Amino acid sequence: MSLLRSKQELLEQYEEISAYVHEHNEPVYIADENGAGDTVILSAETYNQLTSTFTLNQLLNSAAIGEQPGEKHPEVDVLAELAKLN
């Protein structure tokens, strides 16, 4: 379950919050003065996994759409792109 913390808690408890995002692979939301989510903290590893997954999904969606009449798409070496994500 993701956590919601205030900006003050981030300043005072950074080490604990950092440990949480690394141990649980979950984000911690930092609230603004009104208690609404303002910022999200993730471990670098989780962030990289998310962006890699997003990139892979974009490649797969592009391939699934296929070539439209009159459009040219460059060939993509899917295995090479997958290797880059690891």
N, C-alpha and C. Protein backbone atom coordinates (compact mmCIF):
# COMPACT_ATOMS: atom_id res chain seq x y z
N MET A 1 0.85 -1.17 0.00
CA MET A 1 0.00 0.00 0.00
C MET A 1 0.90 1.24 0.00
N SER A 2 0.59 2.17 -0.86
CA SER A 2 1.37 3.40 -0.94
C SER A 2 1.11 4.28 0.27
N LEU A 3 2.11 5.07 0.61
CA LEU A 3 2.00 5.96 1.76
C LEU A 3 1.84 7.40 1.32
N LEU A 4 1.18 8.20 2.17
CA LEU A 4 1.06 9.64 1.96
C LEU A 4 1.74 10.32 3.13
N ARG A 5 2.70 11.17 2.84
CA ARG A 5 3.44 11.88 3.86
C ARG A 5 3.44 13.37 3.54
N SER A 6 3.64 14.19 4.56
CA SER A 6 3.71 15.65 4.36
C SER A 6 5.14 16.03 3.94
N LYS A 7 5.28 17.25 3.44
CA LYS A 7 6.60 17.74 3.09
C LYS A 7 7.50 17.77 4.32
N GLN A 8 6.94 18.13 5.45
CA GLN A 8 7.73 18.17 6.69
C GLN A 8 8.24 16.79 7.06
N GLU A 9 7.38 15.78 6.90
CA GLU A 9 7.81 14.41 7.20
C GLU A 9 8.92 13.97 6.26
N LEU A 10 8.86 14.41 5.00
CA LEU A 10 9.93 14.09 4.06
C LEU A 10 11.25 14.66 4.56
N LEU A 11 11.23 15.90 5.00
CA LEU A 11 12.45 16.54 5.50
C LEU A 11 12.97 15.85 6.76
N GLU A 12 12.06 15.50 7.64
CA GLU A 12 12.46 14.94 8.93
C GLU A 12 12.76 13.44 8.87
N GLN A 13 12.12 12.73 7.94
CA GLN A 13 12.21 11.27 7.91
C GLN A 13 12.69 10.73 6.57
N TYR A 14 13.58 11.47 5.93
CA TYR A 14 14.02 11.06 4.59
C TYR A 14 14.58 9.63 4.59
N GLU A 15 15.44 9.31 5.53
CA GLU A 15 16.07 7.98 5.53
C GLU A 15 15.02 6.87 5.63
N GLU A 16 14.01 7.05 6.48
CA GLU A 16 12.96 6.04 6.63
C GLU A 16 12.12 5.92 5.36
N ILE A 17 11.81 7.07 4.75
CA ILE A 17 11.01 7.06 3.52
C ILE A 17 11.81 6.40 2.40
N SER A 18 13.08 6.73 2.30
CA SER A 18 13.94 6.12 1.28
C SER A 18 14.01 4.61 1.49
N ALA A 19 14.18 4.18 2.72
CA ALA A 19 14.22 2.74 3.01
C ALA A 19 12.91 2.07 2.61
N TYR A 20 11.78 2.73 2.87
CA TYR A 20 10.47 2.16 2.54
C TYR A 20 10.34 1.94 1.04
N VAL A 21 10.66 2.94 0.22
CA VAL A 21 10.48 2.78 -1.23
C VAL A 21 11.41 1.70 -1.79
N HIS A 22 12.58 1.52 -1.18
CA HIS A 22 13.49 0.47 -1.64
C HIS A 22 13.03 -0.91 -1.18
N GLU A 23 12.55 -1.02 0.03
CA GLU A 23 12.14 -2.33 0.56
C GLU A 23 10.83 -2.83 -0.02
N HIS A 24 9.89 -1.91 -0.26
CA HIS A 24 8.54 -2.30 -0.68
C HIS A 24 8.28 -2.11 -2.17
N ASN A 25 9.21 -1.46 -2.88
CA ASN A 25 9.01 -1.17 -4.31
C ASN A 25 7.68 -0.48 -4.57
N GLU A 26 7.32 0.40 -3.66
CA GLU A 26 6.08 1.17 -3.78
C GLU A 26 6.40 2.65 -3.64
N PRO A 27 5.56 3.49 -4.24
CA PRO A 27 5.80 4.93 -4.13
C PRO A 27 5.36 5.48 -2.78
N VAL A 28 5.92 6.61 -2.43
CA VAL A 28 5.44 7.40 -1.30
C VAL A 28 5.00 8.73 -1.88
N TYR A 29 3.77 9.12 -1.61
CA TYR A 29 3.23 10.38 -2.09
C TYR A 29 3.50 11.45 -1.05
N ILE A 30 3.95 12.60 -1.51
CA ILE A 30 4.19 13.73 -0.63
C ILE A 30 3.06 14.73 -0.86
N ALA A 31 2.41 15.11 0.24
CA ALA A 31 1.24 15.98 0.16
C ALA A 31 1.65 17.44 0.19
N ASP A 32 0.83 18.27 -0.45
CA ASP A 32 1.03 19.71 -0.37
C ASP A 32 0.38 20.24 0.90
N GLU A 33 0.34 21.55 1.04
CA GLU A 33 -0.20 22.16 2.26
C GLU A 33 -1.67 21.83 2.50
N ASN A 34 -2.39 21.48 1.43
CA ASN A 34 -3.82 21.15 1.54
C ASN A 34 -4.07 19.66 1.73
N GLY A 35 -3.01 18.88 1.81
CA GLY A 35 -3.16 17.44 2.01
C GLY A 35 -3.34 16.65 0.73
N ALA A 36 -3.27 17.33 -0.42
CA ALA A 36 -3.42 16.64 -1.71
C ALA A 36 -2.05 16.14 -2.18
N GLY A 37 -2.04 15.03 -2.88
CA GLY A 37 -0.80 14.49 -3.42
C GLY A 37 -0.13 15.50 -4.34
N ASP A 38 1.17 15.72 -4.12
CA ASP A 38 1.91 16.72 -4.89
C ASP A 38 3.08 16.11 -5.64
N THR A 39 3.80 15.20 -4.99
CA THR A 39 5.01 14.61 -5.52
C THR A 39 5.02 13.12 -5.19
N VAL A 40 5.67 12.35 -6.04
CA VAL A 40 5.78 10.91 -5.80
C VAL A 40 7.25 10.55 -5.72
N ILE A 41 7.62 9.78 -4.72
CA ILE A 41 8.99 9.32 -4.57
C ILE A 41 9.04 7.82 -4.84
N LEU A 42 9.95 7.45 -5.74
CA LEU A 42 10.19 6.06 -6.09
C LEU A 42 11.67 5.77 -5.97
N SER A 43 12.02 4.51 -5.78
CA SER A 43 13.43 4.15 -5.88
C SER A 43 13.83 4.27 -7.35
N ALA A 44 15.10 4.49 -7.59
CA ALA A 44 15.60 4.59 -8.96
C ALA A 44 15.33 3.29 -9.72
N GLU A 45 15.47 2.17 -9.04
CA GLU A 45 15.23 0.87 -9.67
C GLU A 45 13.77 0.75 -10.13
N THR A 46 12.83 1.10 -9.27
CA THR A 46 11.41 1.04 -9.63
C THR A 46 11.10 1.99 -10.77
N TYR A 47 11.66 3.19 -10.71
CA TYR A 47 11.45 4.17 -11.79
C TYR A 47 11.95 3.61 -13.12
N ASN A 48 13.15 3.04 -13.12
CA ASN A 48 13.72 2.48 -14.35
C ASN A 48 12.87 1.33 -14.88
N GLN A 49 12.34 0.49 -13.99
CA GLN A 49 11.47 -0.59 -14.43
C GLN A 49 10.19 -0.04 -15.06
N LEU A 50 9.62 0.98 -14.45
CA LEU A 50 8.39 1.57 -15.00
C LEU A 50 8.62 2.19 -16.37
N THR A 51 9.71 2.94 -16.51
CA THR A 51 9.96 3.58 -17.80
C THR A 51 10.33 2.55 -18.86
N SER A 52 11.03 1.49 -18.48
CA SER A 52 11.35 0.43 -19.43
C SER A 52 10.08 -0.28 -19.89
N THR A 53 9.20 -0.56 -18.96
CA THR A 53 7.93 -1.20 -19.29
C THR A 53 7.11 -0.32 -20.21
N PHE A 54 7.09 0.98 -19.93
CA PHE A 54 6.35 1.92 -20.77
C PHE A 54 6.92 1.93 -22.19
N THR A 55 8.25 1.97 -22.29
CA THR A 55 8.90 1.96 -23.60
C THR A 55 8.58 0.68 -24.36
N LEU A 56 8.65 -0.44 -23.67
CA LEU A 56 8.32 -1.72 -24.30
C LEU A 56 6.87 -1.72 -24.78
N ASN A 57 5.95 -1.22 -23.95
CA ASN A 57 4.54 -1.17 -24.35
C ASN A 57 4.35 -0.30 -25.58
N GLN A 58 5.07 0.81 -25.66
CA GLN A 58 4.98 1.67 -26.84
C GLN A 58 5.44 0.93 -28.09
N LEU A 59 6.57 0.20 -27.97
CA LEU A 59 7.06 -0.58 -29.11
C LEU A 59 6.06 -1.65 -29.54
N LEU A 60 5.51 -2.36 -28.56
CA LEU A 60 4.55 -3.42 -28.88
C LEU A 60 3.27 -2.85 -29.49
N ASN A 61 2.79 -1.74 -28.95
CA ASN A 61 1.59 -1.11 -29.51
C ASN A 61 1.83 -0.62 -30.93
N SER A 62 3.00 -0.07 -31.17
CA SER A 62 3.34 0.39 -32.51
C SER A 62 3.37 -0.78 -33.48
N ALA A 63 3.95 -1.89 -33.05
CA ALA A 63 4.01 -3.07 -33.90
C ALA A 63 2.62 -3.66 -34.13
N ALA A 64 1.76 -3.61 -33.11
CA ALA A 64 0.41 -4.18 -33.23
C ALA A 64 -0.45 -3.39 -34.20
N ILE A 65 -0.23 -2.10 -34.25
CA ILE A 65 -1.02 -1.25 -35.16
C ILE A 65 -0.69 -1.60 -36.60
N GLY A 66 0.56 -1.89 -36.85
CA GLY A 66 0.98 -2.25 -38.19
C GLY A 66 1.12 -1.03 -39.08
N GLU A 67 1.51 -1.28 -40.26
CA GLU A 67 1.75 -0.21 -41.21
C GLU A 67 0.43 0.21 -41.85
N GLN A 68 0.19 1.50 -41.83
CA GLN A 68 -0.99 2.06 -42.47
C GLN A 68 -0.66 2.30 -43.95
N PRO A 69 -1.65 2.23 -44.82
CA PRO A 69 -1.37 2.48 -46.23
C PRO A 69 -0.71 3.85 -46.41
N GLY A 70 0.37 3.86 -47.16
CA GLY A 70 1.06 5.12 -47.44
C GLY A 70 2.06 5.53 -46.39
N GLU A 71 2.09 4.86 -45.25
CA GLU A 71 3.04 5.20 -44.20
C GLU A 71 4.20 4.21 -44.22
N LYS A 72 5.36 4.72 -43.90
CA LYS A 72 6.53 3.85 -43.81
C LYS A 72 7.01 3.85 -42.38
N HIS A 73 7.27 2.68 -41.85
CA HIS A 73 7.76 2.52 -40.48
C HIS A 73 9.13 1.85 -40.55
N PRO A 74 10.09 2.36 -39.80
CA PRO A 74 11.39 1.69 -39.80
C PRO A 74 11.28 0.32 -39.15
N GLU A 75 12.10 -0.60 -39.64
CA GLU A 75 12.12 -1.92 -39.02
C GLU A 75 12.76 -1.80 -37.64
N VAL A 76 12.19 -2.54 -36.70
CA VAL A 76 12.71 -2.52 -35.33
C VAL A 76 13.15 -3.93 -34.98
N ASP A 77 14.38 -4.05 -34.52
CA ASP A 77 14.88 -5.33 -34.04
C ASP A 77 14.39 -5.49 -32.60
N VAL A 78 13.28 -6.19 -32.44
CA VAL A 78 12.61 -6.29 -31.15
C VAL A 78 13.54 -6.91 -30.10
N LEU A 79 14.27 -7.94 -30.46
CA LEU A 79 15.17 -8.56 -29.48
C LEU A 79 16.26 -7.60 -29.03
N ALA A 80 16.77 -6.78 -29.93
CA ALA A 80 17.79 -5.79 -29.56
C ALA A 80 17.19 -4.75 -28.63
N GLU A 81 15.96 -4.33 -28.90
CA GLU A 81 15.30 -3.35 -28.04
C GLU A 81 15.03 -3.94 -26.65
N LEU A 82 14.62 -5.19 -26.59
CA LEU A 82 14.39 -5.85 -25.31
C LEU A 82 15.69 -5.97 -24.52
N ALA A 83 16.78 -6.27 -25.20
CA ALA A 83 18.08 -6.40 -24.53
C ALA A 83 18.49 -5.07 -23.91
N LYS A 84 18.16 -3.97 -24.54
CA LYS A 84 18.49 -2.64 -24.01
C LYS A 84 17.76 -2.37 -22.71
N LEU A 85 16.58 -2.94 -22.55
CA LEU A 85 15.76 -2.69 -21.36
C LEU A 85 16.30 -3.40 -20.13
N ASN A 86 17.12 -4.38 -20.30
CA ASN A 86 17.67 -5.12 -19.17
C ASN A 86 18.92 -4.53 -18.72
